[in-house]
Structure formats: C-alpha cells, structure tokens
Amino acid sequence: MQILTKNDLKNIYELDEHLWLQETIKILKENRLNDLDVDNLIEELEDLSKKDRNRVSNFLEQIVRHILLLQYWTIEYERNQNHWRAEIQSFRTQLRKYLTTNLHNHLTDELELIYQDGLEYVREKAGFSVDFPQNCPYTLEQLLDKNWFPGH
C-alpha cells in the first residue's frame, strides 16, 4: 500500500477530485494531518459552505416569491392560490431539511437581500402591475412557519 504525499494529493486534485476526496478522508481517518493537502481542503470546505448558504437562500427566495404572489397579485389569486400555497409548503419542507443554526443565522442576516431578489422576480412576473412592498414585510419566522400564510 502506497502512502501518498502532499504533492501527490495536489496532483490528484487537479486530475480527479473524487479520488482526492477519498484519499483526504483516508488521511484524516488515519490522523496523518501532516500529509493533508490543506490549501485544496480549505477551498473545498469554503465551497461546500457557500453551496449550503446558496441552497437555503434559494429556497427562502422561492417562499418569498410565492407569498408575495399569493398576497398581492389579486387578479391571479383565484386561479393560482392553491398552486402558490402548495409551492410555499414544498419549499418550506425542502428548506427545513437543510436548515442548521448557522444557516438560519445566515438567512436572518440576508433576509432583506433575499427579499429584494424575490421582489424583482415577482414584479417582472406580474408585469409591474402590482404594488408590492418595497421592503420585506415578513419575519423569517413567518416565512419558515409551515402553518403561516398571509391574509388576503
């Protein structure tokens, strides 16, 4: 059995990321910390963290979009309310599967920015014919609560 060096790992990373990951896990399990390709490990961990933040932010934006449509796009309400409510529930369920304390804190910090992104979408979808609130009128707790829907 050949023991890989840091340089071997760095080369593997460029050729086969999956193999690099398997070897890195093996090195960690064997507590051979001096053999770790630390630079690429840090890059991968940062990327993983960014993916998680983006995933929960995207789910929350979808919730915001559909709640805004449900509450404010009255001309489409009768035709689309059940669809919008179902979408809200689906995105809440998906978000709940990934939410951690750290990611909850991220959503708290980014709520207004996420709202602005969702607002931009619904304005376009409604043909700029609806007067949506400029700033987020919802709390994060409301948006995440599976039993909460805005009054119509």
Protein backbone atom coordinates (compact mmCIF):
# COMPACT_ATOMS: atom_id res chain seq x y z
CA MET A 1 0.00 0.00 0.00
CA GLN A 2 1.45 3.31 -1.10
CA ILE A 3 1.23 6.32 1.20
CA LEU A 4 0.52 9.50 -0.71
CA THR A 5 2.39 12.72 -0.04
CA LYS A 6 1.05 16.26 -0.09
CA ASN A 7 2.42 16.75 -3.60
CA ASP A 8 0.76 13.53 -4.75
CA LEU A 9 -2.54 14.80 -3.36
CA LYS A 10 -2.17 18.19 -5.02
CA ASN A 11 -1.60 16.46 -8.36
CA ILE A 12 -4.57 14.14 -7.82
CA TYR A 13 -6.78 17.14 -7.03
CA GLU A 14 -6.08 18.56 -10.47
CA LEU A 15 -6.88 15.25 -12.19
CA ASP A 16 -9.61 13.55 -10.14
CA GLU A 17 -11.40 15.49 -7.44
CA HIS A 18 -13.35 12.45 -6.26
CA LEU A 19 -10.19 10.38 -5.77
CA TRP A 20 -8.61 13.36 -3.98
CA LEU A 21 -11.58 13.47 -1.63
CA GLN A 22 -11.38 9.74 -0.89
CA GLU A 23 -7.66 9.98 -0.17
CA THR A 24 -8.14 13.06 2.01
CA ILE A 25 -10.79 11.26 4.07
CA LYS A 26 -8.44 8.30 4.46
CA ILE A 27 -5.63 10.59 5.64
CA LEU A 28 -7.94 12.25 8.14
CA LYS A 29 -9.16 8.91 9.49
CA GLU A 30 -5.56 7.78 9.90
CA ASN A 31 -4.78 11.07 11.68
CA ARG A 32 -1.93 11.83 9.25
CA LEU A 33 -2.59 15.54 9.39
CA ASN A 34 0.84 16.49 8.09
CA ASP A 35 0.03 14.72 4.82
CA LEU A 36 -3.08 16.78 4.14
CA ASP A 37 -3.36 18.99 1.09
CA VAL A 38 -4.53 21.86 3.28
CA ASP A 39 -4.90 24.51 0.58
CA ASN A 40 -7.31 22.45 -1.50
CA LEU A 41 -9.09 21.14 1.60
CA ILE A 42 -9.79 24.73 2.69
CA GLU A 43 -11.02 25.58 -0.81
CA GLU A 44 -13.37 22.58 -0.82
CA LEU A 45 -14.75 23.39 2.64
CA GLU A 46 -15.36 27.01 1.69
CA ASP A 47 -17.11 25.88 -1.48
CA LEU A 48 -19.26 23.45 0.49
CA SER A 49 -20.25 26.20 2.90
CA LYS A 50 -21.12 28.54 0.02
CA LYS A 51 -23.27 25.85 -1.64
CA ASP A 52 -25.21 25.32 1.60
CA ARG A 53 -25.80 29.06 2.06
CA ASN A 54 -26.90 29.41 -1.57
CA ARG A 55 -29.24 26.42 -1.31
CA VAL A 56 -31.13 27.74 1.72
CA SER A 57 -31.17 31.27 0.32
CA ASN A 58 -32.70 29.98 -2.92
CA PHE A 59 -35.41 28.06 -1.07
CA LEU A 60 -36.24 31.14 1.01
CA GLU A 61 -36.40 33.31 -2.10
CA GLN A 62 -38.89 30.89 -3.62
CA ILE A 63 -41.01 31.12 -0.46
CA VAL A 64 -40.90 34.93 -0.61
CA ARG A 65 -41.87 34.95 -4.29
CA HIS A 66 -44.88 32.74 -3.80
CA ILE A 67 -46.06 34.51 -0.66
CA LEU A 68 -45.89 37.86 -2.45
CA LEU A 69 -47.85 36.46 -5.38
CA LEU A 70 -50.40 34.88 -3.05
CA GLN A 71 -50.89 38.04 -1.04
CA TYR A 72 -50.68 40.79 -3.65
CA TRP A 73 -51.41 39.52 -7.16
CA THR A 74 -55.16 39.63 -6.69
CA ILE A 75 -56.05 39.34 -10.38
CA GLU A 76 -54.45 35.86 -10.43
CA TYR A 77 -55.45 34.83 -6.90
CA GLU A 78 -58.48 32.65 -7.68
CA ARG A 79 -56.73 30.78 -10.46
CA ASN A 80 -53.34 30.28 -8.74
CA GLN A 81 -53.81 30.35 -4.96
CA ASN A 82 -53.72 26.57 -4.48
CA HIS A 83 -50.63 26.25 -6.65
CA TRP A 84 -48.84 29.06 -4.80
CA ARG A 85 -49.75 27.62 -1.38
CA ALA A 86 -48.53 24.17 -2.43
CA GLU A 87 -45.27 25.66 -3.71
CA ILE A 88 -44.76 27.53 -0.44
CA GLN A 89 -45.24 24.31 1.52
CA SER A 90 -42.88 22.41 -0.75
CA PHE A 91 -40.11 25.00 -0.45
CA ARG A 92 -40.57 25.19 3.33
CA THR A 93 -40.22 21.41 3.58
CA GLN A 94 -37.11 21.39 1.43
CA LEU A 95 -35.57 24.28 3.33
CA ARG A 96 -36.26 22.66 6.70
CA LYS A 97 -34.22 19.60 5.62
CA TYR A 98 -31.08 21.72 5.21
CA LEU A 99 -31.52 24.35 7.90
CA THR A 100 -28.97 24.45 10.70
CA THR A 101 -28.44 27.11 13.35
CA ASN A 102 -25.62 28.61 11.30
CA LEU A 103 -27.68 28.65 8.11
CA HIS A 104 -30.66 30.10 10.00
CA ASN A 105 -28.39 32.93 11.13
CA HIS A 106 -27.28 33.41 7.52
CA LEU A 107 -30.92 33.75 6.42
CA THR A 108 -31.57 36.24 9.21
CA ASP A 109 -28.64 38.35 8.04
CA GLU A 110 -29.58 38.11 4.36
CA LEU A 111 -33.38 38.32 4.59
CA GLU A 112 -33.70 41.79 3.08
CA LEU A 113 -31.36 40.97 0.19
CA ILE A 114 -33.21 37.70 -0.46
CA TYR A 115 -36.49 39.63 -0.36
CA GLN A 116 -35.19 42.16 -2.90
CA ASP A 117 -34.22 39.34 -5.28
CA GLY A 118 -37.66 37.76 -4.92
CA LEU A 119 -39.33 41.14 -5.33
CA GLU A 120 -37.52 41.76 -8.59
CA TYR A 121 -38.83 38.44 -9.92
CA VAL A 122 -42.49 38.96 -8.91
CA ARG A 123 -42.56 42.48 -10.27
CA GLU A 124 -41.49 41.14 -13.64
CA LYS A 125 -43.91 38.20 -13.44
CA ALA A 126 -46.84 40.48 -12.63
CA GLY A 127 -45.90 42.82 -15.45
CA PHE A 128 -45.13 45.62 -13.00
CA SER A 129 -48.89 45.93 -12.45
CA VAL A 130 -48.87 45.15 -8.70
CA ASP A 131 -47.74 47.42 -5.88
CA PHE A 132 -45.58 45.03 -3.84
CA PRO A 133 -43.96 46.30 -0.60
CA GLN A 134 -40.52 47.79 -1.21
CA ASN A 135 -39.10 46.22 1.96
CA CYS A 136 -39.71 42.81 3.44
CA PRO A 137 -42.95 42.87 5.45
CA TYR A 138 -42.39 39.35 6.82
CA THR A 139 -40.26 37.95 9.61
CA LEU A 140 -38.07 34.95 8.97
CA GLU A 141 -40.16 33.01 11.47
CA GLN A 142 -43.32 33.70 9.45
CA LEU A 143 -41.65 32.66 6.22
CA LEU A 144 -40.46 29.39 7.75
CA ASP A 145 -43.66 28.57 9.66
CA LYS A 146 -45.48 25.78 7.79
CA ASN A 147 -48.83 26.98 9.19
CA TRP A 148 -48.45 30.67 8.37
CA PHE A 149 -49.88 32.28 5.26
CA PRO A 150 -50.52 35.98 4.77
CA GLY A 151 -54.08 37.24 4.92
CA HIS A 152 -55.61 38.02 1.59
